[in-house]
Protein backbone atom coordinates (compact mmCIF):
# COMPACT_ATOMS: atom_id res chain seq x y z
CA MET A 1 -11.21 2.58 25.77
CA SER A 2 -8.12 0.98 24.20
CA ASP A 3 -9.37 -2.47 25.06
CA LEU A 4 -12.45 -1.74 23.20
CA ARG A 5 -10.86 -0.26 20.22
CA ASN A 6 -8.74 -3.67 20.09
CA GLU A 7 -11.89 -5.55 20.06
CA PHE A 8 -13.27 -3.42 17.19
CA THR A 9 -10.11 -4.31 15.06
CA ASN A 10 -11.05 -7.60 14.56
CA LEU A 11 -13.26 -8.24 11.48
CA HIS A 12 -15.04 -11.43 12.71
CA PRO A 13 -15.67 -12.59 16.37
CA MET A 14 -12.91 -14.49 17.86
CA HIS A 15 -15.29 -15.97 20.44
CA LYS A 16 -13.05 -19.53 20.32
CA GLY A 17 -10.01 -17.42 21.19
CA LEU A 18 -7.31 -17.06 18.51
CA PRO A 19 -7.67 -19.39 15.74
CA GLU A 20 -5.25 -21.73 14.90
CA VAL A 21 -2.55 -20.12 12.73
CA ARG A 22 1.33 -21.00 11.14
CA VAL A 23 3.59 -18.12 12.04
CA ALA A 24 5.96 -17.33 9.50
CA ILE A 25 9.53 -15.07 9.55
CA SER A 26 10.98 -14.19 6.16
CA THR A 27 14.35 -15.04 5.32
CA PRO A 28 16.84 -13.07 2.90
CA PRO A 29 16.02 -13.30 -0.50
CA ALA A 30 18.23 -15.58 -2.48
CA ARG A 31 17.58 -14.52 -6.39
CA TRP A 32 20.05 -11.90 -6.81
CA LYS A 33 23.94 -11.66 -6.63
CA ARG A 34 25.72 -8.93 -4.82
CA PRO A 35 26.48 -6.91 -7.82
CA GLU A 36 22.96 -6.93 -9.26
CA LEU A 37 21.85 -5.76 -5.82
CA GLU A 38 24.44 -2.80 -5.78
CA ALA A 39 23.53 -2.05 -9.68
CA THR A 40 19.96 -1.96 -8.22
CA VAL A 41 20.69 0.32 -5.25
CA ASP A 42 23.05 2.41 -7.44
CA ARG A 43 19.82 3.51 -9.50
CA ILE A 44 17.76 4.02 -6.34
CA CYS A 45 20.59 6.47 -5.29
CA ARG A 46 20.84 8.45 -8.24
CA ALA A 47 16.70 8.74 -8.67
CA TYR A 48 16.82 9.98 -4.96
CA LEU A 49 19.21 12.80 -5.70
CA ALA A 50 17.56 13.70 -8.76
CA ALA A 51 14.29 13.99 -6.98
CA SER A 52 15.43 15.43 -3.55
CA ARG A 53 16.90 18.47 -5.29
CA ASP A 54 13.40 19.63 -6.18
CA HIS A 55 11.59 18.70 -3.15
CA ARG A 56 9.58 20.82 -1.21
CA ALA A 57 8.30 19.52 2.37
CA ASP A 58 4.73 20.03 3.41
CA ASP A 59 5.20 21.49 6.77
CA ALA A 60 1.46 20.84 7.42
CA SER A 61 1.72 16.87 6.63
CA LEU A 62 2.27 13.83 9.14
CA TRP A 63 5.32 12.65 6.74
CA THR A 64 7.46 15.94 7.55
CA HIS A 65 7.05 14.45 11.02
CA ILE A 66 7.94 10.93 10.19
CA GLU A 67 11.05 12.13 7.76
CA ALA A 68 12.67 13.89 10.47
CA LYS A 69 12.11 11.56 13.32
CA HIS A 70 12.79 8.06 11.48
CA PHE A 71 14.49 8.49 8.15
CA ARG A 72 17.64 10.55 8.67
CA PRO A 73 20.22 7.78 8.44
CA PHE A 74 18.20 6.29 5.14
CA HIS A 75 18.17 9.97 3.79
CA ASP A 76 22.17 10.37 4.90
CA ALA A 77 22.99 7.39 2.76
CA LEU A 78 20.80 7.98 -0.22
CA ARG A 79 22.10 11.67 -0.40
CA ARG A 80 25.72 10.33 -0.12
CA HIS A 81 25.13 8.09 -2.86
CA ASP A 82 26.74 5.34 -0.37
CA VAL A 83 25.56 2.03 -1.92
CA ALA A 84 26.66 -0.28 0.69
CA SER A 85 24.88 1.73 3.77
CA THR A 86 21.86 2.19 1.43
CA LEU A 87 21.77 -1.52 0.75
CA ALA A 88 22.30 -2.58 4.35
CA LEU A 89 19.51 -0.48 5.28
CA LEU A 90 16.78 -1.90 2.63
CA GLU A 91 18.18 -5.51 3.55
CA GLN A 92 16.80 -4.69 7.29
CA MET A 93 13.87 -2.51 6.13
CA PHE A 94 11.51 -4.52 8.46
CA THR A 95 13.51 -4.45 11.63
CA GLY A 96 14.87 -0.55 11.12
CA ASP A 97 13.09 2.70 10.03
CA VAL A 98 12.96 2.96 6.47
CA THR A 99 9.38 1.58 6.33
CA HIS A 100 8.23 3.43 9.31
CA GLY A 101 4.49 4.37 8.66
CA PHE A 102 3.77 2.38 5.71
CA ASP A 103 4.78 -1.28 6.32
CA GLN A 104 6.36 -3.64 9.00
CA ASN A 105 9.38 -1.77 10.89
CA GLY A 106 11.61 -2.17 13.81
CA GLU A 107 9.01 -0.72 16.20
CA MET A 108 6.05 -2.98 14.84
CA HIS A 109 8.72 -5.75 14.69
CA ARG A 110 9.28 -5.43 18.54
CA ALA A 111 5.74 -5.26 19.45
CA ILE A 112 4.73 -8.32 17.36
CA LEU A 113 7.78 -10.53 19.02
CA SER A 114 7.29 -8.98 22.28
CA SER A 115 5.30 -12.39 23.63
CA ASP A 116 3.93 -15.30 21.86
CA HIS A 117 0.64 -14.14 22.42
CA ALA A 118 1.16 -10.80 20.74
CA THR A 119 2.84 -12.61 17.63
CA ARG A 120 -0.28 -15.35 17.40
CA ALA A 121 -2.51 -12.45 18.02
CA TYR A 122 -0.98 -10.30 14.84
CA VAL A 123 -0.95 -13.29 12.83
CA ALA A 124 -4.37 -14.17 13.70
CA ARG A 125 -5.44 -10.79 12.46
CA CYS A 126 -3.62 -11.56 9.25
CA ARG A 127 -5.97 -14.80 8.90
CA ASP A 128 -8.81 -12.64 9.89
CA MET A 129 -8.09 -10.16 7.07
CA LEU A 130 -7.67 -12.97 4.54
CA VAL A 131 -10.74 -14.75 5.29
CA ARG A 132 -12.56 -11.08 5.05
CA LEU A 133 -10.96 -10.59 1.79
CA GLY A 134 -12.48 -14.12 0.67
CA GLU A 135 -15.74 -12.82 1.73
CA ALA A 136 -15.17 -8.97 -0.13
CA LEU A 137 -14.45 -10.91 -3.32
CA GLY A 138 -17.42 -13.44 -3.22
CA LEU A 139 -15.31 -16.76 -2.51
CA LEU A 140 -17.02 -16.90 0.83
CA THR A 141 -20.40 -16.09 1.97
CA VAL A 142 -21.08 -13.14 4.59
CA GLU A 143 -22.04 -14.54 8.03
CA ASN A 144 -25.44 -13.40 9.17
CA PRO A 145 -25.92 -12.75 12.97
CA GLU A 146 -29.35 -12.89 12.60
CA GLN A 147 -29.84 -16.19 10.78
CA GLY A 148 -27.86 -19.49 9.91
CA LYS A 149 -24.26 -19.92 10.14
CA TRP A 150 -22.54 -17.49 12.40
CA ALA A 151 -18.78 -16.58 13.28
CA GLU A 152 -17.43 -20.03 11.93
CA ASN A 153 -15.31 -18.47 8.66
CA LEU A 154 -12.72 -17.31 10.44
CA TYR A 155 -11.79 -20.77 12.23
CA ALA A 156 -13.07 -22.92 9.48
CA THR A 157 -11.84 -21.86 5.97
CA ASP A 158 -9.02 -23.39 4.54
CA THR A 159 -6.64 -20.06 4.07
CA ASP A 160 -4.21 -22.19 1.73
CA ARG A 161 -7.19 -23.01 -0.62
CA LEU A 162 -8.37 -19.59 -0.03
CA ILE A 163 -4.90 -18.10 -1.59
CA VAL A 164 -5.20 -20.14 -4.77
CA ARG A 165 -8.85 -19.32 -5.14
CA ILE A 166 -8.21 -15.64 -5.03
CA GLY A 167 -5.57 -15.96 -7.50
CA GLY A 168 -8.37 -17.81 -9.97
CA LEU A 169 -10.76 -14.91 -9.55
CA LEU A 170 -7.85 -12.20 -10.31
CA GLY A 171 -6.63 -13.68 -13.12
CA PHE A 172 -2.82 -14.63 -11.68
CA ALA A 173 -1.09 -17.01 -9.29
CA VAL A 174 -1.25 -14.99 -6.12
CA THR A 175 2.24 -15.14 -4.24
CA SER A 176 4.06 -12.67 -1.72
CA VAL A 177 7.11 -10.64 -2.91
CA LYS A 178 10.29 -11.69 -0.55
CA VAL A 179 12.46 -8.53 -0.37
CA ALA A 180 14.02 -8.78 2.97
CA LYS A 181 14.18 -10.66 6.11
CA ASP A 182 12.41 -10.77 9.26
CA ARG A 183 8.75 -9.83 7.90
CA ILE A 184 6.18 -11.61 9.85
CA GLY A 185 3.22 -13.05 8.75
CA LEU A 186 0.72 -15.81 8.19
CA ALA A 187 2.65 -18.99 6.25
CA THR A 188 0.94 -20.41 3.19
CA PRO A 189 2.38 -22.26 0.21
CA ARG A 190 2.20 -19.16 -1.67
CA GLY A 191 4.62 -17.46 0.74
CA ILE A 192 4.09 -15.01 3.99
CA PHE A 193 1.13 -12.71 3.88
CA ALA A 194 0.48 -9.84 6.62
CA GLU A 195 -2.07 -7.15 6.40
CA LYS A 196 -0.46 -4.98 3.56
CA ASP A 197 -0.54 -7.92 1.28
CA LEU A 198 -4.08 -8.04 1.64
CA HIS A 199 -4.76 -4.69 1.44
CA ALA A 200 -2.93 -4.69 -1.81
CA LEU A 201 -4.74 -7.27 -3.24
CA TYR A 202 -8.13 -5.86 -2.41
CA THR A 203 -7.13 -2.74 -4.19
CA ALA A 204 -5.98 -4.60 -7.09
CA SER A 205 -9.09 -6.30 -7.44
CA ARG A 206 -10.91 -3.09 -7.32
CA ILE A 207 -8.70 -1.61 -10.06
CA ARG A 208 -9.14 -4.98 -12.13
CA THR A 209 -13.02 -4.14 -12.04
CA GLU A 210 -12.58 -0.40 -13.25
CA ILE A 211 -10.22 -1.03 -16.12
CA HIS A 212 -12.78 -3.61 -17.52
CA GLY A 213 -10.13 -5.58 -19.12
CA ASN A 214 -8.40 -2.77 -20.91
CA THR A 215 -5.15 -3.85 -22.08
CA ALA A 216 -3.75 -0.44 -22.37
CA ALA A 217 -4.86 0.93 -18.96
CA ARG A 218 -3.27 3.82 -17.03
CA VAL A 219 -3.47 3.93 -13.09
CA CYS A 220 -1.90 6.26 -11.13
CA GLU A 221 -1.46 5.95 -7.33
CA ILE A 222 -0.67 8.94 -5.04
CA GLY A 223 1.21 7.29 -2.37
CA GLY A 224 2.14 3.84 -2.98
CA GLY A 225 3.14 2.54 0.19
CA THR A 226 6.02 -0.19 -0.55
CA GLY A 227 4.61 -0.60 -3.87
CA ARG A 228 2.50 -3.86 -3.38
CA VAL A 229 -0.77 -2.52 -5.06
CA ALA A 230 1.07 -1.62 -8.35
CA HIS A 231 2.93 -5.10 -8.32
CA TYR A 232 -0.61 -6.90 -7.96
CA ALA A 233 -2.34 -4.24 -10.35
CA THR A 234 0.26 -5.10 -12.97
CA LEU A 235 -0.38 -8.67 -12.84
CA ALA A 236 -4.11 -8.13 -13.08
CA GLY A 237 -3.80 -6.21 -16.37
CA VAL A 238 -2.60 -2.84 -15.62
CA ALA A 239 -0.50 -1.70 -18.80
CA GLU A 240 1.37 1.32 -17.17
CA TYR A 241 1.12 1.68 -13.35
CA THR A 242 2.72 5.16 -12.13
CA ILE A 243 3.31 5.51 -8.42
CA VAL A 244 3.70 9.42 -7.24
CA ASP A 245 5.47 9.54 -3.59
CA LEU A 246 7.90 11.28 -1.69
CA PRO A 247 11.42 10.83 -2.73
CA ILE A 248 12.57 8.84 0.69
CA VAL A 249 9.57 6.56 -0.14
CA ASN A 250 10.24 6.20 -3.82
CA ALA A 251 13.37 4.59 -2.63
CA VAL A 252 11.76 1.84 -0.88
CA GLN A 253 9.32 1.49 -3.82
CA ALA A 254 12.02 1.01 -6.20
CA TRP A 255 13.59 -1.67 -4.29
CA PHE A 256 10.24 -3.76 -4.14
CA THR A 257 8.91 -3.16 -7.42
CA MET A 258 12.29 -4.39 -8.85
CA HIS A 259 12.51 -7.50 -6.99
CA ALA A 260 8.97 -8.11 -7.46
CA ARG A 261 8.58 -6.88 -11.32
CA GLY A 262 12.41 -7.19 -12.35
CA PRO A 263 14.51 -4.42 -12.80
CA GLU A 264 13.85 -3.89 -16.16
CA SER A 265 10.23 -3.44 -15.68
CA VAL A 266 10.59 -0.42 -13.30
CA ARG A 267 11.49 3.35 -14.44
CA LEU A 268 12.53 5.89 -11.83
CA HIS A 269 13.23 9.71 -11.81
CA GLY A 270 15.31 10.54 -14.85
CA GLU A 271 14.89 7.26 -16.67
CA GLY A 272 12.49 8.00 -19.14
CA THR A 273 8.80 6.85 -19.79
CA GLY A 274 7.04 3.67 -21.31
CA GLY A 275 4.96 0.81 -20.04
CA GLY A 276 5.47 -0.99 -16.53
CA VAL A 277 5.79 0.36 -13.13
CA ARG A 278 7.16 4.31 -13.02
CA ILE A 279 8.34 5.73 -9.76
CA VAL A 280 8.56 9.51 -9.55
CA PRO A 281 8.28 12.40 -6.77
CA PRO A 282 5.68 15.15 -6.27
CA SER A 283 7.68 17.17 -8.01
CA LEU A 284 6.91 15.68 -11.61
CA LEU A 285 3.25 15.99 -10.99
CA ARG A 286 2.97 18.42 -13.82
CA GLU A 287 5.00 15.94 -16.23
CA VAL A 288 2.96 13.21 -15.20
CA ALA A 289 -0.37 15.23 -15.69
CA GLY A 290 0.58 14.85 -19.55
CA THR A 291 -0.83 11.41 -19.24
CA ALA A 292 -4.57 10.50 -19.46
CA PHE A 293 -5.00 8.07 -16.92
CA ASP A 294 -8.01 5.39 -16.41
CA LEU A 295 -7.84 5.54 -12.66
CA VAL A 296 -6.41 7.71 -9.68
CA VAL A 297 -6.02 5.48 -6.76
CA ASN A 298 -5.39 6.83 -3.06
CA GLN A 299 -5.11 4.27 -0.06
CA ASP A 300 -4.50 5.40 3.69
CA SER A 301 -2.54 8.54 2.80
CA LEU A 302 -4.16 11.61 1.73
CA PRO A 303 -5.54 12.24 5.13
CA GLU A 304 -2.13 12.66 6.31
CA LEU A 305 -1.09 15.47 4.01
CA GLY A 306 -1.45 19.24 4.74
CA ARG A 307 -5.00 20.47 3.35
CA GLU A 308 -3.77 22.58 0.12
CA VAL A 309 -1.54 19.58 -0.86
CA ALA A 310 -4.29 16.75 -0.37
CA LEU A 311 -6.80 19.15 -2.37
CA ALA A 312 -4.16 19.78 -5.11
CA TYR A 313 -4.07 15.60 -5.51
CA VAL A 314 -7.88 15.35 -5.53
CA ARG A 315 -7.88 18.13 -8.29
CA PHE A 316 -5.30 16.16 -10.22
CA ALA A 317 -7.50 13.09 -9.96
CA ARG A 318 -10.22 15.07 -11.42
CA ASP A 319 -8.44 16.80 -14.14
CA HIS A 320 -6.37 14.00 -15.52
CA ALA A 321 -8.31 10.51 -14.69
CA ARG A 322 -11.87 9.19 -15.88
CA ARG A 323 -12.43 8.03 -12.19
CA PHE A 324 -10.62 8.52 -8.57
CA LEU A 325 -10.72 5.60 -6.11
CA SER A 326 -10.01 6.33 -2.38
CA ILE A 327 -9.78 4.25 0.51
CA ASN A 328 -9.18 6.37 3.90
CA HIS A 329 -9.86 6.75 7.20
CA GLU A 330 -12.05 9.85 8.42
CA ALA A 331 -10.57 10.08 12.23
CA GLU A 332 -9.25 14.00 11.97
CA THR A 333 -6.71 13.38 14.29
CA GLN A 334 -4.75 16.45 15.36
CA ILE A 335 -1.10 16.00 13.50
CA SER A 336 0.31 19.50 14.95
CA ALA A 337 -0.77 22.42 16.74
CA THR A 338 -2.03 24.01 13.34
CA SER A 339 -3.01 21.02 11.07
CA ARG A 340 -5.06 18.02 11.43
CA HIS A 341 -6.06 14.63 9.38
CA GLN A 342 -7.83 15.53 6.30
CA VAL A 343 -11.30 13.65 5.02
CA VAL A 344 -11.44 12.80 1.40
CA ALA A 345 -15.20 13.26 0.83
CA ARG A 346 -14.69 17.13 2.23
CA LEU A 347 -11.96 17.44 -0.44
CA ALA A 348 -13.96 16.02 -2.96
CA ALA A 349 -17.37 18.20 -2.30
CA GLU A 350 -14.79 21.37 -2.46
CA THR A 351 -13.43 20.26 -5.83
CA ALA A 352 -15.86 21.36 -8.56
CA GLY A 353 -16.53 18.93 -11.19
CA MET A 354 -16.22 15.42 -9.15
CA ARG A 355 -19.19 13.41 -8.67
CA ARG A 356 -19.50 10.45 -6.31
CA LEU A 357 -20.42 7.20 -7.45
CA TYR A 358 -20.54 5.50 -4.11
CA ARG A 359 -19.46 5.26 -0.46
CA SER A 360 -19.40 2.27 1.76
CA PRO A 361 -17.14 1.06 4.67
CA TYR A 362 -13.95 -0.21 3.64
CA TRP A 363 -14.09 -4.34 3.87
CA LEU A 364 -10.74 -4.92 5.31
CA ARG A 365 -10.34 -2.26 8.10
CA THR A 366 -12.84 -0.79 10.45
CA GLY A 367 -13.13 2.94 10.14
CA TYR A 368 -12.03 3.44 6.62
CA VAL A 369 -14.45 4.54 4.06
CA GLU A 370 -14.02 3.52 0.24
CA GLU A 371 -15.25 5.85 -2.34
CA LEU A 372 -15.45 6.31 -5.97
CA TYR A 373 -15.77 9.63 -7.97
CA GLU A 374 -16.01 10.36 -11.56
CA ALA A 375 -14.85 13.56 -13.14
CA GLU A 376 -17.97 15.22 -14.54
CA PRO A 377 -18.01 15.88 -18.54
CA THR A 378 -17.06 19.53 -19.44
CA GLY A 379 -18.68 21.55 -21.77
């Protein structure tokens, strides 16, 4: 069964074997000097301490278990306001545990580098996903097994040129963001691209479509991963981007977005309001609710929450945004003896006033569903 599952994670047939790829591993970013790094981490520690005071764990959430197992050293360093230890953990984020569950991490890093074949297979998957992104955006034609060319895009596409074309379509130069060493991916002239970069670019393209050129657009993302969608969405024209996530994940998002956007363009818990990227914990959801959003986004996280918390987020999207974009799986895997993964479509069906505009398979990941909802007018 595991071999069958692995076969279906590929988006294109690999009938000629793995495609040729250029493997790359990131080096440490050189842009910032030590005092700047320490000042950034000081802000992150302060925000974490403020956010964690009011944080209440969701016992039915997968993330409660992940935090307990993987995030303890990071939590302890942040809680002590230990700038040196926190900085060391962030600088090794892709070989340690601070990104476990939402980006490359130590466990994944070891698996990718376990053999030459494993490394090439992972980077081939990144190429596979990049080609599918080109198809999703209409830059490449979708192949048809019934007629015409078949199973050629994966092998024949010039991915270096494709990255440039994607930027031309989205309206900004697409480059990867270097925040730490040892991240593995596909080498291109625009940087190293791995799976999470490509998911983020796709979601940013959907956000760009939804805001329709609105230069004052406001977007809220529930569960923001490392912050990659926020970065690309602001480049695509979003004026104000708010991430709501766990305090421990907020710390990683702050690190990433400050490297990507500049420290002055990012506001953390307790640092006021304004444009750019704002990163807040769930305890500030009521404060965030004072903002009318054009779009609420959730990708690959609502199913992992407890039912009541996930349902509250869907209701938040209905009450405070024009539309709600969900990209999530529906596997319903058991999380614990008393909880299992949620299904967003069911949560939305239980939420009065939510109208689904479309439902379709997600382009970049087999087994995931993309849905767009709209809040129905009241009165």
